[in-house]
């Protein structure tokens, strides 16, 4: 039985839709930005520095990346050129 030509399936009945990518909750996303270093993804520890874009970094991690000349490899910190006190790139946060 069946296959007698009674129904013709539509495209939407045959083709399955792709699953939408799950998005992170905005509060979770912001919490990780405020609690983790943007370079190393490690928890923030004193001393902390902030760049002109508002990203927070562990000072030790930034110094290490500058000295090993790998800071340009990180997209989130490629704008940081040095650690001068009067530089517009970074802000030293006093604890």
PDB file of N, CA and C in Angstrom:
ATOM      1  N   UNK A   1       0.829  -1.135   0.000  1.00  0.00           N
ATOM      2  CA  UNK A   1       0.000   0.000   0.000  1.00  0.00           C
ATOM      3  C   UNK A   1       0.898   1.228   0.000  1.00  0.00           C
ATOM      4  N   UNK A   2       0.351   2.327  -0.199  1.00  0.00           N
ATOM      5  CA  UNK A   2       1.119   3.555  -0.273  1.00  0.00           C
ATOM      6  C   UNK A   2       1.744   3.692  -1.643  1.00  0.00           C
ATOM      7  N   UNK A   3       2.493   4.730  -1.846  1.00  0.00           N
ATOM      8  CA  UNK A   3       3.143   5.026  -3.123  1.00  0.00           C
ATOM      9  C   UNK A   3       2.140   5.041  -4.262  1.00  0.00           C
ATOM     10  N   UNK A   4       0.916   5.403  -3.964  1.00  0.00           N
ATOM     11  CA  UNK A   4      -0.107   5.435  -4.993  1.00  0.00           C
ATOM     12  C   UNK A   4      -0.292   6.834  -5.565  1.00  0.00           C
ATOM     13  N   UNK A   5       0.595   7.757  -5.165  1.00  0.00           N
ATOM     14  CA  UNK A   5       0.516   9.104  -5.717  1.00  0.00           C
ATOM     15  C   UNK A   5      -0.450   9.997  -4.992  1.00  0.00           C
ATOM     16  N   UNK A   6      -0.851   9.603  -3.842  1.00  0.00           N
ATOM     17  CA  UNK A   6      -1.832  10.375  -3.103  1.00  0.00           C
ATOM     18  C   UNK A   6      -1.270  11.654  -2.498  1.00  0.00           C
ATOM     19  N   UNK A   7      -0.011  11.631  -2.080  1.00  0.00           N
ATOM     20  CA  UNK A   7       0.571  12.829  -1.478  1.00  0.00           C
ATOM     21  C   UNK A   7       1.948  13.089  -2.073  1.00  0.00           C
ATOM     22  N   UNK A   8       2.272  14.350  -2.160  1.00  0.00           N
ATOM     23  CA  UNK A   8       3.605  14.754  -2.621  1.00  0.00           C
ATOM     24  C   UNK A   8       4.243  15.536  -1.475  1.00  0.00           C
ATOM     25  N   UNK A   9       5.365  15.028  -0.949  1.00  0.00           N
ATOM     26  CA  UNK A   9       5.992  15.744   0.169  1.00  0.00           C
ATOM     27  C   UNK A   9       6.620  17.062  -0.291  1.00  0.00           C
ATOM     28  N   UNK A  10       6.539  18.043   0.580  1.00  0.00           N
ATOM     29  CA  UNK A  10       7.146  19.339   0.297  1.00  0.00           C
ATOM     30  C   UNK A  10       8.601  19.319   0.755  1.00  0.00           C
ATOM     31  N   UNK A  11       9.357  20.283   0.287  1.00  0.00           N
ATOM     32  CA  UNK A  11      10.777  20.372   0.630  1.00  0.00           C
ATOM     33  C   UNK A  11      10.968  20.522   2.139  1.00  0.00           C
ATOM     34  N   UNK A  12      10.154  21.344   2.761  1.00  0.00           N
ATOM     35  CA  UNK A  12      10.301  21.585   4.197  1.00  0.00           C
ATOM     36  C   UNK A  12      10.040  20.321   5.018  1.00  0.00           C
ATOM     37  N   UNK A  13       9.301  19.383   4.468  1.00  0.00           N
ATOM     38  CA  UNK A  13       9.044  18.137   5.178  1.00  0.00           C
ATOM     39  C   UNK A  13      10.214  17.169   5.053  1.00  0.00           C
ATOM     40  N   UNK A  14      11.013  17.321   3.995  1.00  0.00           N
ATOM     41  CA  UNK A  14      12.125  16.409   3.758  1.00  0.00           C
ATOM     42  C   UNK A  14      13.453  16.918   4.317  1.00  0.00           C
ATOM     43  N   UNK A  15      13.683  18.235   4.232  1.00  0.00           N
ATOM     44  CA  UNK A  15      14.960  18.819   4.638  1.00  0.00           C
ATOM     45  C   UNK A  15      14.856  19.305   6.078  1.00  0.00           C
ATOM     46  N   UNK A  16      15.785  18.851   6.904  1.00  0.00           N
ATOM     47  CA  UNK A  16      15.797  19.286   8.292  1.00  0.00           C
ATOM     48  C   UNK A  16      16.607  20.568   8.412  1.00  0.00           C
ATOM     49  N   UNK A  17      16.191  21.415   9.310  1.00  0.00           N
ATOM     50  CA  UNK A  17      16.885  22.684   9.523  1.00  0.00           C
ATOM     51  C   UNK A  17      18.111  22.464  10.402  1.00  0.00           C
ATOM     52  N   UNK A  18      19.122  23.326  10.197  1.00  0.00           N
ATOM     53  CA  UNK A  18      20.308  23.278  11.033  1.00  0.00           C
ATOM     54  C   UNK A  18      19.965  23.793  12.418  1.00  0.00           C
ATOM     55  N   UNK A  19      20.657  23.233  13.400  1.00  0.00           N
ATOM     56  CA  UNK A  19      20.468  23.721  14.756  1.00  0.00           C
ATOM     57  C   UNK A  19      21.158  25.060  14.900  1.00  0.00           C
ATOM     58  N   UNK A  20      20.529  25.950  15.615  1.00  0.00           N
ATOM     59  CA  UNK A  20      21.148  27.242  15.876  1.00  0.00           C
ATOM     60  C   UNK A  20      22.213  27.066  16.950  1.00  0.00           C
ATOM     61  N   UNK A  21      23.303  27.789  16.788  1.00  0.00           N
ATOM     62  CA  UNK A  21      24.370  27.728  17.777  1.00  0.00           C
ATOM     63  C   UNK A  21      23.880  28.327  19.092  1.00  0.00           C
ATOM     64  N   UNK A  22      24.214  27.663  20.176  1.00  0.00           N
ATOM     65  CA  UNK A  22      23.793  28.156  21.481  1.00  0.00           C
ATOM     66  C   UNK A  22      24.608  29.377  21.852  1.00  0.00           C
ATOM     67  N   UNK A  23      23.932  30.404  22.333  1.00  0.00           N
ATOM     68  CA  UNK A  23      24.606  31.622  22.749  1.00  0.00           C
ATOM     69  C   UNK A  23      24.772  31.606  24.260  1.00  0.00           C
ATOM     70  N   UNK A  24      25.927  32.126  24.693  1.00  0.00           N
ATOM     71  CA  UNK A  24      26.150  32.250  26.120  1.00  0.00           C
ATOM     72  C   UNK A  24      25.281  33.362  26.686  1.00  0.00           C
ATOM     73  N   UNK A  25      24.834  33.155  27.875  1.00  0.00           N
ATOM     74  CA  UNK A  25      24.068  34.184  28.557  1.00  0.00           C
ATOM     75  C   UNK A  25      24.959  35.407  28.761  1.00  0.00           C
ATOM     76  N   UNK A  26      24.420  36.583  28.560  1.00  0.00           N
ATOM     77  CA  UNK A  26      25.203  37.819  28.642  1.00  0.00           C
ATOM     78  C   UNK A  26      25.844  37.992  30.023  1.00  0.00           C
ATOM     79  N   UNK A  27      25.148  37.619  31.071  1.00  0.00           N
ATOM     80  CA  UNK A  27      25.700  37.776  32.417  1.00  0.00           C
ATOM     81  C   UNK A  27      26.890  36.843  32.635  1.00  0.00           C
ATOM     82  N   UNK A  28      26.848  35.645  32.071  1.00  0.00           N
ATOM     83  CA  UNK A  28      27.969  34.712  32.180  1.00  0.00           C
ATOM     84  C   UNK A  28      29.162  35.240  31.396  1.00  0.00           C
ATOM     85  N   UNK A  29      28.895  35.766  30.219  1.00  0.00           N
ATOM     86  CA  UNK A  29      29.957  36.310  29.381  1.00  0.00           C
ATOM     87  C   UNK A  29      30.646  37.490  30.068  1.00  0.00           C
ATOM     88  N   UNK A  30      29.866  38.386  30.659  1.00  0.00           N
ATOM     89  CA  UNK A  30      30.438  39.532  31.360  1.00  0.00           C
ATOM     90  C   UNK A  30      31.190  39.111  32.614  1.00  0.00           C
ATOM     91  N   UNK A  31      30.704  38.106  33.296  1.00  0.00           N
ATOM     92  CA  UNK A  31      31.366  37.646  34.518  1.00  0.00           C
ATOM     93  C   UNK A  31      32.761  37.124  34.217  1.00  0.00           C
ATOM     94  N   UNK A  32      32.928  36.417  33.120  1.00  0.00           N
ATOM     95  CA  UNK A  32      34.255  35.908  32.781  1.00  0.00           C
ATOM     96  C   UNK A  32      35.193  37.041  32.377  1.00  0.00           C
ATOM     97  N   UNK A  33      34.659  38.084  31.761  1.00  0.00           N
ATOM     98  CA  UNK A  33      35.503  39.226  31.393  1.00  0.00           C
ATOM     99  C   UNK A  33      36.018  39.964  32.620  1.00  0.00           C
ATOM    100  N   UNK A  34      35.215  40.038  33.663  1.00  0.00           N
ATOM    101  CA  UNK A  34      35.594  40.785  34.859  1.00  0.00           C
ATOM    102  C   UNK A  34      36.386  39.958  35.858  1.00  0.00           C
ATOM    103  N   UNK A  35      36.400  38.656  35.693  1.00  0.00           N
ATOM    104  CA  UNK A  35      37.096  37.800  36.659  1.00  0.00           C
ATOM    105  C   UNK A  35      38.361  37.157  36.114  1.00  0.00           C
ATOM    106  N   UNK A  36      38.521  37.124  34.787  1.00  0.00           N
ATOM    107  CA  UNK A  36      39.666  36.440  34.193  1.00  0.00           C
ATOM    108  C   UNK A  36      40.525  37.386  33.380  1.00  0.00           C
ATOM    109  N   UNK A  37      41.824  37.102  33.350  1.00  0.00           N
ATOM    110  CA  UNK A  37      42.762  37.849  32.515  1.00  0.00           C
ATOM    111  C   UNK A  37      42.428  37.563  31.055  1.00  0.00           C
ATOM    112  N   UNK A  38      42.400  38.600  30.234  1.00  0.00           N
ATOM    113  CA  UNK A  38      42.034  38.431  28.830  1.00  0.00           C
ATOM    114  C   UNK A  38      43.136  37.734  28.026  1.00  0.00           C
ATOM    115  N   UNK A  39      44.385  37.782  28.494  1.00  0.00           N
ATOM    116  CA  UNK A  39      45.477  37.106  27.789  1.00  0.00           C
ATOM    117  C   UNK A  39      45.555  35.625  28.138  1.00  0.00           C
ATOM    118  N   UNK A  40      45.631  35.337  29.426  1.00  0.00           N
ATOM    119  CA  UNK A  40      45.890  33.967  29.862  1.00  0.00           C
ATOM    120  C   UNK A  40      44.637  33.194  30.253  1.00  0.00           C
ATOM    121  N   UNK A  41      43.503  33.883  30.384  1.00  0.00           N
ATOM    122  CA  UNK A  41      42.245  33.285  30.838  1.00  0.00           C
ATOM    123  C   UNK A  41      42.356  32.710  32.246  1.00  0.00           C
ATOM    124  N   UNK A  42      43.351  33.154  33.007  1.00  0.00           N
ATOM    125  CA  UNK A  42      43.515  32.774  34.406  1.00  0.00           C
ATOM    126  C   UNK A  42      42.765  33.783  35.274  1.00  0.00           C
ATOM    127  N   UNK A  43      42.379  33.410  36.489  1.00  0.00           N
ATOM    128  CA  UNK A  43      41.716  34.370  37.379  1.00  0.00           C
ATOM    129  C   UNK A  43      42.613  35.581  37.639  1.00  0.00           C
ATOM    130  N   UNK A  44      42.000  36.757  37.735  1.00  0.00           N
ATOM    131  CA  UNK A  44      42.760  37.976  37.980  1.00  0.00           C
ATOM    132  C   UNK A  44      43.354  37.959  39.376  1.00  0.00           C
ATOM    133  N   UNK A  45      44.595  38.422  39.475  1.00  0.00           N
ATOM    134  CA  UNK A  45      45.251  38.572  40.770  1.00  0.00           C
ATOM    135  C   UNK A  45      46.023  39.878  40.757  1.00  0.00           C
ATOM    136  N   UNK A  46      46.246  40.443  41.918  1.00  0.00           N
ATOM    137  CA  UNK A  46      46.919  41.732  42.023  1.00  0.00           C
ATOM    138  C   UNK A  46      48.363  41.595  41.581  1.00  0.00           C
ATOM    139  N   UNK A  47      48.932  42.542  40.918  1.00  0.00           N
ATOM    140  CA  UNK A  47      48.399  43.797  40.387  1.00  0.00           C
ATOM    141  C   UNK A  47      47.669  43.573  39.064  1.00  0.00           C
ATOM    142  N   UNK A  48      46.673  44.399  38.827  1.00  0.00           N
ATOM    143  CA  UNK A  48      45.833  44.314  37.631  1.00  0.00           C
ATOM    144  C   UNK A  48      46.027  45.573  36.811  1.00  0.00           C
ATOM    145  N   UNK A  49      46.041  45.428  35.489  1.00  0.00           N
ATOM    146  CA  UNK A  49      46.076  46.593  34.611  1.00  0.00           C
ATOM    147  C   UNK A  49      44.903  46.512  33.642  1.00  0.00           C
ATOM    148  N   UNK A  50      44.505  47.670  33.136  1.00  0.00           N
ATOM    149  CA  UNK A  50      43.399  47.745  32.178  1.00  0.00           C
ATOM    150  C   UNK A  50      43.889  48.471  30.936  1.00  0.00           C
ATOM    151  N   UNK A  51      43.451  48.038  29.771  1.00  0.00           N
ATOM    152  CA  UNK A  51      43.831  48.714  28.533  1.00  0.00           C
ATOM    153  C   UNK A  51      42.800  49.791  28.211  1.00  0.00           C
ATOM    154  N   UNK A  52      43.042  50.503  27.140  1.00  0.00           N
ATOM    155  CA  UNK A  52      42.134  51.597  26.770  1.00  0.00           C
ATOM    156  C   UNK A  52      40.766  51.094  26.320  1.00  0.00           C
ATOM    157  N   UNK A  53      40.657  49.807  26.022  1.00  0.00           N
ATOM    158  CA  UNK A  53      39.377  49.227  25.618  1.00  0.00           C
ATOM    159  C   UNK A  53      38.610  48.637  26.803  1.00  0.00           C
ATOM    160  N   UNK A  54      39.167  48.755  28.002  1.00  0.00           N
ATOM    161  CA  UNK A  54      38.499  48.276  29.201  1.00  0.00           C
ATOM    162  C   UNK A  54      38.749  46.818  29.525  1.00  0.00           C
ATOM    163  N   UNK A  55      39.678  46.188  28.852  1.00  0.00           N
ATOM    164  CA  UNK A  55      39.991  44.789  29.144  1.00  0.00           C
ATOM    165  C   UNK A  55      40.949  44.719  30.324  1.00  0.00           C
ATOM    166  N   UNK A  56      40.772  43.722  31.175  1.00  0.00           N
ATOM    167  CA  UNK A  56      41.600  43.568  32.366  1.00  0.00           C
ATOM    168  C   UNK A  56      42.622  42.459  32.158  1.00  0.00           C
ATOM    169  N   UNK A  57      43.852  42.711  32.646  1.00  0.00           N
ATOM    170  CA  UNK A  57      44.951  41.763  32.490  1.00  0.00           C
ATOM    171  C   UNK A  57      45.702  41.633  33.807  1.00  0.00           C
ATOM    172  N   UNK A  58      46.327  40.477  34.008  1.00  0.00           N
ATOM    173  CA  UNK A  58      47.306  40.339  35.077  1.00  0.00           C
ATOM    174  C   UNK A  58      48.578  41.028  34.604  1.00  0.00           C
ATOM    175  N   UNK A  59      49.147  41.889  35.436  1.00  0.00           N
ATOM    176  CA  UNK A  59      50.334  42.652  35.050  1.00  0.00           C
ATOM    177  C   UNK A  59      51.484  41.713  34.690  1.00  0.00           C
ATOM    178  N   UNK A  60      51.649  40.658  35.458  1.00  0.00           N
ATOM    179  CA  UNK A  60      52.725  39.699  35.229  1.00  0.00           C
ATOM    180  C   UNK A  60      52.611  39.046  33.845  1.00  0.00           C
ATOM    181  N   UNK A  61      51.404  38.716  33.437  1.00  0.00           N
ATOM    182  CA  UNK A  61      51.175  38.082  32.140  1.00  0.00           C
ATOM    183  C   UNK A  61      51.513  39.025  30.995  1.00  0.00           C
ATOM    184  N   UNK A  62      51.141  40.299  31.137  1.00  0.00           N
ATOM    185  CA  UNK A  62      51.426  41.285  30.090  1.00  0.00           C
ATOM    186  C   UNK A  62      52.924  41.517  29.977  1.00  0.00           C
ATOM    187  N   UNK A  63      53.609  41.653  31.114  1.00  0.00           N
ATOM    188  CA  UNK A  63      55.064  41.861  31.089  1.00  0.00           C
ATOM    189  C   UNK A  63      55.751  40.677  30.426  1.00  0.00           C
ATOM    190  N   UNK A  64      55.327  39.481  30.769  1.00  0.00           N
ATOM    191  CA  UNK A  64      55.915  38.276  30.178  1.00  0.00           C
ATOM    192  C   UNK A  64      55.698  38.241  28.664  1.00  0.00           C
ATOM    193  N   UNK A  65      54.506  38.615  28.219  1.00  0.00           N
ATOM    194  CA  UNK A  65      54.201  38.611  26.782  1.00  0.00           C
ATOM    195  C   UNK A  65      54.998  39.682  26.043  1.00  0.00           C
ATOM    196  N   UNK A  66      55.211  40.835  26.678  1.00  0.00           N
ATOM    197  CA  UNK A  66      56.001  41.899  26.042  1.00  0.00           C
ATOM    198  C   UNK A  66      57.463  41.479  25.936  1.00  0.00           C
ATOM    199  N   UNK A  67      58.010  40.899  27.008  1.00  0.00           N
ATOM    200  CA  UNK A  67      59.418  40.501  27.006  1.00  0.00           C
ATOM    201  C   UNK A  67      59.707  39.379  26.014  1.00  0.00           C
ATOM    202  N   UNK A  68      58.775  38.456  25.864  1.00  0.00           N
ATOM    203  CA  UNK A  68      58.980  37.355  24.915  1.00  0.00           C
ATOM    204  C   UNK A  68      58.520  37.717  23.507  1.00  0.00           C
ATOM    205  N   UNK A  69      58.006  38.947  23.357  1.00  0.00           N
ATOM    206  CA  UNK A  69      57.545  39.481  22.067  1.00  0.00           C
ATOM    207  C   UNK A  69      56.440  38.627  21.441  1.00  0.00           C
ATOM    208  N   UNK A  70      55.575  38.103  22.290  1.00  0.00           N
ATOM    209  CA  UNK A  70      54.438  37.320  21.805  1.00  0.00           C
ATOM    210  C   UNK A  70      53.126  38.071  21.962  1.00  0.00           C
ATOM    211  N   UNK A  71      53.188  39.307  22.438  1.00  0.00           N
ATOM    212  CA  UNK A  71      51.957  40.072  22.685  1.00  0.00           C
ATOM    213  C   UNK A  71      51.211  40.358  21.388  1.00  0.00           C
ATOM    214  N   UNK A  72      51.916  40.459  20.274  1.00  0.00           N
ATOM    215  CA  UNK A  72      51.265  40.727  18.991  1.00  0.00           C
ATOM    216  C   UNK A  72      50.484  39.515  18.488  1.00  0.00           C
ATOM    217  N   UNK A  73      50.763  38.339  19.034  1.00  0.00           N
ATOM    218  CA  UNK A  73      50.048  37.121  18.629  1.00  0.00           C
ATOM    219  C   UNK A  73      48.639  37.052  19.219  1.00  0.00           C
ATOM    220  N   UNK A  74      48.394  37.814  20.274  1.00  0.00           N
ATOM    221  CA  UNK A  74      47.094  37.816  20.936  1.00  0.00           C
ATOM    222  C   UNK A  74      46.242  38.933  20.361  1.00  0.00           C
ATOM    223  N   UNK A  75      45.096  38.582  19.836  1.00  0.00           N
ATOM    224  CA  UNK A  75      44.203  39.579  19.232  1.00  0.00           C
ATOM    225  C   UNK A  75      43.680  40.568  20.271  1.00  0.00           C
ATOM    226  N   UNK A  76      43.451  40.106  21.497  1.00  0.00           N
ATOM    227  CA  UNK A  76      42.897  40.976  22.533  1.00  0.00           C
ATOM    228  C   UNK A  76      43.912  41.959  23.090  1.00  0.00           C
ATOM    229  N   UNK A  77      45.199  41.775  22.787  1.00  0.00           N
ATOM    230  CA  UNK A  77      46.219  42.665  23.352  1.00  0.00           C
ATOM    231  C   UNK A  77      47.201  43.169  22.306  1.00  0.00           C
ATOM    232  N   UNK A  78      46.877  43.055  21.041  1.00  0.00           N
ATOM    233  CA  UNK A  78      47.824  43.460  19.995  1.00  0.00           C
ATOM    234  C   UNK A  78      48.052  44.965  19.974  1.00  0.00           C
ATOM    235  N   UNK A  79      47.174  45.744  20.603  1.00  0.00           N
ATOM    236  CA  UNK A  79      47.317  47.201  20.637  1.00  0.00           C
ATOM    237  C   UNK A  79      48.281  47.665  21.728  1.00  0.00           C
ATOM    238  N   UNK A  80      48.662  46.787  22.645  1.00  0.00           N
ATOM    239  CA  UNK A  80      49.578  47.163  23.727  1.00  0.00           C
ATOM    240  C   UNK A  80      51.007  47.079  23.204  1.00  0.00           C
ATOM    241  N   UNK A  81      51.714  48.198  23.289  1.00  0.00           N
ATOM    242  CA  UNK A  81      53.083  48.268  22.771  1.00  0.00           C
ATOM    243  C   UNK A  81      54.121  48.227  23.884  1.00  0.00           C
ATOM    244  N   UNK A  82      53.786  48.766  25.050  1.00  0.00           N
ATOM    245  CA  UNK A  82      54.749  48.813  26.145  1.00  0.00           C
ATOM    246  C   UNK A  82      54.054  49.076  27.464  1.00  0.00           C
ATOM    247  N   UNK A  83      54.856  49.185  28.526  1.00  0.00           N
ATOM    248  CA  UNK A  83      54.312  49.352  29.870  1.00  0.00           C
ATOM    249  C   UNK A  83      54.673  50.703  30.476  1.00  0.00           C
ATOM    250  N   UNK A  84      54.848  51.734  29.682  1.00  0.00           N
ATOM    251  CA  UNK A  84      55.206  53.050  30.211  1.00  0.00           C
ATOM    252  C   UNK A  84      54.054  53.606  31.037  1.00  0.00           C
ATOM    253  N   UNK A  85      54.411  54.313  32.100  1.00  0.00           N
ATOM    254  CA  UNK A  85      53.403  54.888  32.998  1.00  0.00           C
ATOM    255  C   UNK A  85      52.512  55.900  32.285  1.00  0.00           C
ATOM    256  N   UNK A  86      53.061  56.680  31.366  1.00  0.00           N
ATOM    257  CA  UNK A  86      52.293  57.729  30.699  1.00  0.00           C
ATOM    258  C   UNK A  86      51.673  57.256  29.386  1.00  0.00           C
ATOM    259  N   UNK A  87      51.779  55.983  29.101  1.00  0.00           N
ATOM    260  CA  UNK A  87      51.228  55.435  27.872  1.00  0.00           C
ATOM    261  C   UNK A  87      49.704  55.482  27.900  1.00  0.00           C
ATOM    262  N   UNK A  88      49.104  55.707  26.751  1.00  0.00           N
ATOM    263  CA  UNK A  88      47.647  55.714  26.650  1.00  0.00           C
ATOM    264  C   UNK A  88      47.091  54.295  26.524  1.00  0.00           C
ATOM    265  N   UNK A  89      47.992  53.331  26.313  1.00  0.00           N
ATOM    266  CA  UNK A  89      47.552  51.953  26.101  1.00  0.00           C
ATOM    267  C   UNK A  89      47.034  51.284  27.371  1.00  0.00           C
ATOM    268  N   UNK A  90      47.659  51.574  28.519  1.00  0.00           N
ATOM    269  CA  UNK A  90      47.278  50.860  29.733  1.00  0.00           C
ATOM    270  C   UNK A  90      47.059  51.788  30.912  1.00  0.00           C
ATOM    271  N   UNK A  91      46.278  51.320  31.844  1.00  0.00           N
ATOM    272  CA  UNK A  91      45.977  52.039  33.078  1.00  0.00           C
ATOM    273  C   UNK A  91      46.316  51.109  34.235  1.00  0.00           C
ATOM    274  N   UNK A  92      47.154  51.582  35.137  1.00  0.00           N
ATOM    275  CA  UNK A  92      47.527  50.783  36.295  1.00  0.00           C
ATOM    276  C   UNK A  92      46.474  50.975  37.374  1.00  0.00           C
ATOM    277  N   UNK A  93      45.905  49.895  37.828  1.00  0.00           N
ATOM    278  CA  UNK A  93      44.853  49.952  38.836  1.00  0.00           C
ATOM    279  C   UNK A  93      45.501  49.819  40.208  1.00  0.00           C
ATOM    280  N   UNK A  94      45.280  50.810  41.058  1.00  0.00           N
ATOM    281  CA  UNK A  94      45.863  50.813  42.405  1.00  0.00           C
ATOM    282  C   UNK A  94      45.018  49.935  43.318  1.00  0.00           C
ATOM    283  N   UNK A  95      45.683  49.147  44.136  1.00  0.00           N
ATOM    284  CA  UNK A  95      44.989  48.283  45.072  1.00  0.00           C
ATOM    285  C   UNK A  95      45.101  48.846  46.457  1.00  0.00           C
TER     286      UNK A  95
END
